[in-house]
Structures are given as C-alpha cells and as structure tokens.
Protein backbone atom coordinates (compact mmCIF):
# COMPACT_ATOMS: atom_id res chain seq x y z
CA MET A 1 7.92 17.84 75.28
CA ARG A 2 8.31 21.55 76.06
CA ALA A 3 12.10 21.61 76.17
CA PRO A 4 12.68 20.46 72.55
CA ILE A 5 10.11 23.00 71.29
CA THR A 6 11.79 25.77 73.28
CA ARG A 7 15.24 24.80 72.03
CA THR A 8 13.92 24.65 68.45
CA LEU A 9 12.30 28.05 68.78
CA MET A 10 15.46 29.54 70.22
CA SER A 11 17.48 28.10 67.35
CA VAL A 12 15.11 29.60 64.80
CA LEU A 13 15.19 32.98 66.51
CA LEU A 14 18.99 32.89 66.65
CA MET A 15 19.21 32.08 62.94
CA LEU A 16 16.71 34.81 62.14
CA SER A 17 18.62 37.37 64.18
CA CYS A 18 21.83 36.42 62.36
CA VAL A 19 20.14 36.85 58.97
CA LEU A 20 18.63 40.20 59.94
CA SER A 21 21.84 41.52 61.42
CA SER A 22 23.70 40.40 58.30
CA GLY A 23 21.22 42.37 56.20
CA VAL A 24 21.79 45.46 58.33
CA VAL A 25 25.55 45.08 57.91
CA LEU A 26 25.19 44.68 54.14
CA ALA A 27 22.91 47.68 53.90
CA GLY A 28 25.25 49.70 56.07
CA SER A 29 28.25 48.76 53.95
CA PHE A 30 26.40 49.70 50.78
CA GLU A 31 25.42 53.11 52.14
CA ASP A 32 28.96 53.65 53.44
CA GLY A 33 30.20 52.90 49.94
CA ILE A 34 27.88 55.55 48.49
CA ALA A 35 29.13 58.09 51.02
CA ALA A 36 32.75 57.24 50.18
CA TYR A 37 32.08 57.49 46.45
CA GLN A 38 30.36 60.85 46.80
CA ARG A 39 33.33 62.32 48.64
CA GLY A 40 35.69 60.99 45.97
CA ASP A 41 37.14 58.14 48.03
CA TYR A 42 36.77 55.56 45.28
CA VAL A 43 39.20 53.06 46.80
CA THR A 44 37.12 52.77 49.96
CA ALA A 45 33.91 52.52 47.92
CA LEU A 46 35.43 49.65 45.96
CA GLN A 47 36.51 47.87 49.12
CA LEU A 48 33.01 48.15 50.55
CA TRP A 49 31.10 47.20 47.41
CA LEU A 50 33.23 44.32 46.13
CA PRO A 51 32.24 41.84 48.89
CA LEU A 52 28.59 42.83 48.47
CA ALA A 53 28.78 42.36 44.72
CA GLU A 54 30.36 38.94 45.16
CA GLN A 55 27.49 38.05 47.51
CA GLY A 56 24.95 38.97 44.82
CA SER A 57 23.96 42.57 45.55
CA SER A 58 22.74 43.91 42.21
CA GLY A 59 23.23 47.50 43.36
CA ALA A 60 26.85 46.84 44.26
CA GLN A 61 27.37 44.94 41.00
CA TYR A 62 26.03 47.86 39.00
CA ASN A 63 28.21 50.31 40.93
CA LEU A 64 31.30 48.21 40.27
CA GLY A 65 30.41 48.12 36.59
CA SER A 66 30.22 51.90 36.57
CA MET A 67 33.56 52.22 38.35
CA TYR A 68 35.30 49.98 35.84
CA SER A 69 33.56 51.69 32.93
CA ASN A 70 34.65 55.16 34.09
CA GLY A 71 38.00 54.25 35.66
CA LYS A 72 37.02 55.48 39.13
CA GLY A 73 39.21 53.85 41.80
CA VAL A 74 40.32 51.20 39.32
CA THR A 75 42.04 51.02 35.96
CA GLN A 76 39.40 51.51 33.29
CA ASN A 77 38.39 48.07 32.05
CA TYR A 78 35.34 47.71 29.82
CA ASN A 79 35.46 43.91 29.93
CA GLU A 80 35.22 43.98 33.70
CA ALA A 81 32.46 46.57 33.48
CA VAL A 82 30.44 44.31 31.19
CA LYS A 83 30.91 41.41 33.60
CA TRP A 84 29.41 43.32 36.53
CA TYR A 85 26.69 44.98 34.48
CA ARG A 86 25.61 41.57 33.19
CA LEU A 87 25.38 40.11 36.71
CA ALA A 88 23.24 43.03 37.89
CA ALA A 89 21.09 43.11 34.75
CA ALA A 90 20.36 39.40 35.08
CA GLN A 91 18.76 40.25 38.43
CA GLY A 92 16.52 42.85 36.82
CA ASP A 93 18.54 45.99 37.56
CA THR A 94 17.30 48.37 34.84
CA ASP A 95 20.23 50.78 35.05
CA ALA A 96 22.58 47.85 34.56
CA ALA A 97 20.52 46.60 31.62
CA LEU A 98 20.71 50.05 30.03
CA SER A 99 24.46 50.22 30.60
CA LEU A 100 24.98 46.74 29.19
CA GLY A 101 22.96 47.73 26.12
CA LEU A 102 25.19 50.77 25.67
CA MET A 103 28.31 48.59 25.88
CA TYR A 104 27.01 46.32 23.10
CA ASP A 105 25.75 49.31 21.11
CA ASN A 106 29.18 50.98 21.18
CA GLY A 107 31.35 47.85 21.13
CA LYS A 108 32.97 48.51 24.49
CA GLY A 109 33.96 45.45 26.50
CA ALA A 110 32.07 43.28 24.03
CA ILE A 111 31.89 42.81 20.29
CA GLN A 112 29.52 45.40 18.85
CA ASP A 113 26.16 43.70 18.56
CA TYR A 114 23.08 45.82 17.89
CA LEU A 115 20.70 42.89 18.37
CA GLU A 116 22.11 42.27 21.85
CA ALA A 117 21.97 46.00 22.57
CA VAL A 118 18.27 46.03 21.66
CA ARG A 119 17.67 43.04 23.93
CA TRP A 120 19.03 44.86 26.99
CA TYR A 121 17.49 48.21 26.08
CA LEU A 122 14.12 46.48 25.79
CA LEU A 123 14.48 44.93 29.23
CA ALA A 124 15.17 48.33 30.78
CA ALA A 125 12.60 50.16 28.64
CA LYS A 126 9.77 47.84 29.62
CA HIS A 127 10.47 48.73 33.24
CA GLY A 128 10.16 52.43 32.50
CA ASN A 129 13.78 53.46 31.98
CA GLY A 130 13.47 56.65 29.92
CA GLU A 131 16.96 56.59 28.48
CA ALA A 132 16.51 52.99 27.34
CA GLN A 133 13.20 53.97 25.75
CA PHE A 134 14.90 56.77 23.85
CA ASN A 135 17.70 54.46 22.74
CA LEU A 136 15.14 51.96 21.44
CA GLY A 137 13.58 54.78 19.46
CA GLN A 138 16.97 55.45 17.92
CA MET A 139 17.48 51.77 17.08
CA PHE A 140 14.11 51.54 15.33
CA SER A 141 14.65 54.86 13.57
CA ASN A 142 18.04 53.79 12.21
CA GLY A 143 17.27 50.09 11.71
CA LYS A 144 20.00 48.90 14.05
CA GLY A 145 19.38 45.45 15.56
CA VAL A 146 15.76 45.65 14.37
CA PRO A 147 14.04 46.34 11.04
CA GLN A 148 13.69 50.08 10.48
CA ASP A 149 10.25 51.09 11.76
CA PHE A 150 9.43 54.79 12.20
CA SER A 151 6.13 54.00 13.93
CA GLN A 152 7.91 51.98 16.62
CA ALA A 153 10.55 54.68 16.86
CA ALA A 154 7.89 57.33 17.48
CA ASN A 155 6.21 55.14 20.11
CA TRP A 156 9.43 54.71 22.08
CA TYR A 157 10.32 58.39 21.69
CA ARG A 158 6.88 59.21 23.11
CA PHE A 159 7.37 56.98 26.16
CA ALA A 160 10.68 58.72 26.91
CA ALA A 161 9.33 62.17 26.04
CA GLU A 162 6.46 61.77 28.48
CA GLN A 163 9.06 61.14 31.17
CA GLY A 164 10.63 64.49 30.36
CA LYS A 165 13.60 63.33 28.28
CA ALA A 166 14.47 66.44 26.27
CA LEU A 167 16.16 64.71 23.36
CA ALA A 168 13.21 62.33 23.02
CA GLN A 169 10.85 65.31 23.01
CA PHE A 170 12.88 66.92 20.23
CA LYS A 171 13.00 63.69 18.20
CA LEU A 172 9.25 63.23 18.60
CA GLY A 173 8.73 66.80 17.44
CA LEU A 174 10.83 66.11 14.34
CA ALA A 175 8.83 62.95 13.69
CA TYR A 176 5.61 64.99 13.68
CA ALA A 177 7.14 67.67 11.46
CA GLN A 178 8.35 65.09 8.95
CA GLY A 179 5.42 62.70 9.23
CA GLU A 180 7.67 59.78 10.13
CA GLY A 181 5.74 57.09 11.99
CA VAL A 182 2.97 59.56 12.84
CA THR A 183 0.57 61.77 10.91
CA ARG A 184 2.29 65.03 10.04
CA ASP A 185 1.22 67.69 12.51
CA PHE A 186 3.24 70.89 12.77
CA LYS A 187 1.31 72.09 15.82
CA GLU A 188 2.12 68.89 17.68
CA ALA A 189 5.73 69.19 16.52
CA ALA A 190 5.99 72.71 17.97
CA LYS A 191 4.54 71.48 21.26
CA TRP A 192 7.36 68.95 21.69
CA TYR A 193 10.00 71.43 20.48
CA GLN A 194 8.81 73.83 23.19
CA LEU A 195 9.09 71.21 25.93
CA ALA A 196 12.62 70.32 24.86
CA ALA A 197 13.63 73.96 24.34
CA THR A 198 12.63 74.90 27.87
CA GLN A 199 15.01 72.21 29.12
CA GLY A 200 17.89 73.97 27.41
CA LEU A 201 18.29 71.77 24.31
CA ALA A 202 19.88 74.04 21.71
CA GLY A 203 18.67 72.04 18.71
CA ALA A 204 15.08 72.28 19.88
CA GLN A 205 15.47 75.99 20.62
CA ALA A 206 16.78 76.68 17.11
CA THR A 207 14.06 74.56 15.50
CA LEU A 208 11.35 76.27 17.57
CA GLY A 209 12.78 79.62 16.54
CA GLY A 210 12.50 78.52 12.94
CA ALA A 211 8.89 77.51 13.49
CA TYR A 212 8.04 80.97 14.85
CA ALA A 213 9.90 82.63 11.99
CA THR A 214 7.88 80.75 9.37
CA GLY A 215 4.62 80.32 11.28
CA GLN A 216 4.83 76.55 11.07
CA GLY A 217 2.68 75.04 13.82
CA VAL A 218 2.61 78.33 15.77
CA PRO A 219 1.52 81.89 14.94
CA GLN A 220 4.31 83.66 13.09
CA ASN A 221 6.18 85.91 15.50
CA LEU A 222 9.60 87.25 14.58
CA VAL A 223 10.24 88.55 18.10
CA ILE A 224 9.81 85.10 19.64
CA ALA A 225 11.71 83.55 16.74
CA HIS A 226 14.64 85.90 17.37
CA MET A 227 14.48 85.15 21.10
CA TRP A 228 14.80 81.36 20.66
CA LEU A 229 17.43 81.64 17.94
CA ASN A 230 19.41 84.02 20.13
CA ILE A 231 19.24 81.62 23.09
CA ALA A 232 20.30 78.69 20.90
CA GLY A 233 23.11 80.81 19.48
CA SER A 234 24.40 81.47 22.99
CA GLN A 235 25.07 77.73 23.16
CA ASP A 236 27.42 77.96 20.17
CA SER A 237 24.84 76.95 17.58
CA ALA A 238 26.30 78.58 14.49
CA GLY A 239 23.24 77.72 12.41
CA ALA A 240 20.97 79.46 14.91
CA VAL A 241 23.09 82.62 14.80
CA THR A 242 22.96 82.68 11.00
CA PHE A 243 19.19 82.18 11.01
CA ARG A 244 18.74 84.82 13.74
CA ASP A 245 20.69 87.38 11.71
CA ALA A 246 18.54 86.60 8.66
CA VAL A 247 15.35 87.06 10.70
CA SER A 248 16.70 90.36 12.08
CA LYS A 249 16.64 91.86 8.59
CA SER A 250 12.84 91.72 8.65
CA MET A 251 12.54 93.26 12.13
CA THR A 252 12.49 96.82 13.42
CA ALA A 253 15.10 98.01 15.88
CA GLN A 254 12.44 98.05 18.61
CA GLN A 255 11.48 94.45 17.89
CA ILE A 256 15.11 93.34 18.05
CA THR A 257 15.59 95.14 21.36
CA ALA A 258 12.44 93.51 22.72
CA ALA A 259 13.57 90.07 21.51
CA GLN A 260 16.93 90.49 23.22
CA ALA A 261 15.21 91.51 26.45
CA LEU A 262 12.90 88.50 26.20
CA ALA A 263 15.89 86.20 25.76
CA GLN A 264 17.46 87.60 28.91
CA LYS A 265 14.18 87.19 30.79
CA CYS A 266 13.78 83.64 29.55
CA LEU A 267 17.26 82.62 30.66
CA ALA A 268 17.03 84.49 33.98
CA SER A 269 13.80 82.63 34.81
CA ASN A 270 15.41 79.29 33.91
CA TYR A 271 13.02 78.99 30.95
CA LYS A 272 9.90 79.47 33.08
CA GLU A 273 8.79 82.76 31.47
CA CYS A 274 9.71 82.19 27.85
CA ASP A 275 6.11 81.71 26.78
CA ARG A 276 4.86 84.90 28.41
CA PRO A 277 6.47 87.70 26.39
CA PRO A 278 5.45 91.27 27.32
CA LEU A 279 4.52 92.17 23.74
CA ASP A 280 2.56 95.17 25.05
CA CYS A 281 5.89 96.70 26.00
CA PHE A 282 6.56 97.56 22.38
CA LEU A 283 3.05 97.47 20.95
CA SER A 284 1.14 99.64 23.46
CA LYS A 285 1.56 103.39 23.90
CA THR A 286 0.08 103.29 27.39
CA ARG A 287 -0.08 100.76 30.21
CA PRO A 288 -2.66 98.00 29.44
CA PRO A 289 -5.42 98.13 32.11
CA SER A 290 -5.25 94.33 32.40
CA MET A 291 -1.54 94.43 33.28
CA PRO A 292 -1.15 97.05 36.06
CA ASN A 293 2.12 95.55 37.35
CA LEU A 294 3.85 95.05 34.01
CA ILE A 295 7.50 96.11 34.00
CA CYS A 296 8.95 96.51 30.52
CA PRO A 297 12.61 95.95 29.62
CA PRO A 298 14.85 98.90 28.76
CA GLY A 299 14.85 99.97 25.14
CA THR A 300 11.14 99.30 24.52
CA PRO A 301 8.46 102.03 24.30
CA GLY A 302 6.77 100.58 27.37
CA ALA A 303 9.88 101.16 29.45
CA LEU A 304 8.71 104.76 29.94
CA TRP A 305 5.11 104.21 30.95
CA SER A 306 5.86 101.08 33.00
CA LYS A 307 7.95 103.18 35.41
CA SER A 308 4.98 105.31 36.38
C-alpha cells in the first residue's frame, strides 16, 4: 500500500512545483516588463506583458490598456485600450476601472456614456481610488450620469480631499464658500484652499489670496494676500496678477517688499513655510526676544537688526 501513496504524493509535489515555478516565471516576466517600460523599451514590455495578459494577469491587462491608450510601443488604439481595461476592471483592478470610466466619460474607444462612466468610477471609488472619488464628485456636481446632487458631490470631494487630492481640496473649499451641499463656512473653505495651495494649485492659491485680501474665513492680511496672488501669478494666472496689482494699491512699499520676500521663501521651501511669515521683520523696530534667530529678508526694516 505504501508505493501508490508515495507515487501519488510525488505526483502532487511535482504538479505543485510546476505551478509555483510557473508563478515565479510570470512574476519575473511582469517585473521585466516594468523594467523595460521604465527604460523606454516599449516593444519589449509589450512582448513580455501580452502573454501574461492573455493568461489573465489583471496587472498586465491594465498595462496593455495604458500602452494602447497612450500609443506607447503600439499604434494608439482606444478600442483596444478599452478591451484590456475592461478585462482588468472585471477582476477588480481599480486603476483599470478608473481608466475605463474615463474612456466612457470622454467617449474614447466607446460611445460616450456618463451612466457607464459613473458605474466604473464607483467601483474604483469604493475601493479608495482618490481620482475616481474626485471624478464622482464632478459627476454629481454636474448631473452627468446621475441626478445633480451637491451633497453627494461634496461627500466624494471630501473622500478624495482627505487622500490629499489637491483639486478635490479646492473643490471642497469652493463648496463650503458657496454653501453647495454643505453649510456655508468660509473658515472651512479657507482651510481646504490652504491645503490645495500648498500643493501648487494656482486656482487655490489665487482664491486663498482673495480670502486674505477680504478677510473671508481668515484674518485680513494684505501681505499674505499679495504673497499668494504673486505665487499664483507666477503660474500664468492672469486673474491673480490683476488682483495682486489691485491689492498693491492699498499696501505700503515695505509691505509689498515683505510680501515678495515671503513669496520667494514660500516657493524655496516647497510651500512648507508659507504659513509662517516673519511679520516682525517689517513691524518690529528691534529683534523680538521670542525670535532670537530670526533672519529677515532684504528690503524690510528688520533686515538691519536681524544681522546683528
């Protein structure tokens, strides 16, 4: 009786080793495809991923969809992109679901269908995809594929905003400022503007500058207003430049100089020091005892005493 059991066990072990080794080969091919793609060898990436995609690898299917969508290593073909995105999305790949939603939303590779776009966005959004959550917010805000519902829009914007999506943070701020789907709250609006502004979003920077100029949701401060409007203007926001120049008319030369220095400091720190302006540099005649290491920017009164 031992021999049959031994032969059976050996057969099982052999089959298992084949399955495991196959998995290693598939994983290796997938990683090799990523390496090829990253070095710009799209043809090799395609050759490595196509067999995997045909065998059901959702990651490879998504990657092929992206290649066809962007024309990398293949002739751009939205229909083919939709085919591969759909196969991956059907397996629960959230990036593929998002991409498929975008294709339906924009009518690329499929007839434009907002209801179908919402379906795929929702699948990705429920699994925490921030971009899909933002897109759902847009669909509810504009009534595309769903009845217009500002409350739902604000909810989805919030989900995406809490994941750090700058545009969602800005949209949520606007919702609070306008009282759309939420109780109007200018302070809460300014909070979300600030988060988006410190990620470099010009629209949020200009809007935050406007809030400081008018004292809406934040203490009125023309120096900080000028700083944010100046930063937004450096990103070719013509409206921000116009607003900045209007604010400048109510400022002293020293305040304008300080605001310009603050803008430089904000950008140089990659937005990490925008909320800590050295106002004492142009308000104090002597070094503040609480700030012994303060260095003031050139052109401010504090530039003299901060050198000592």
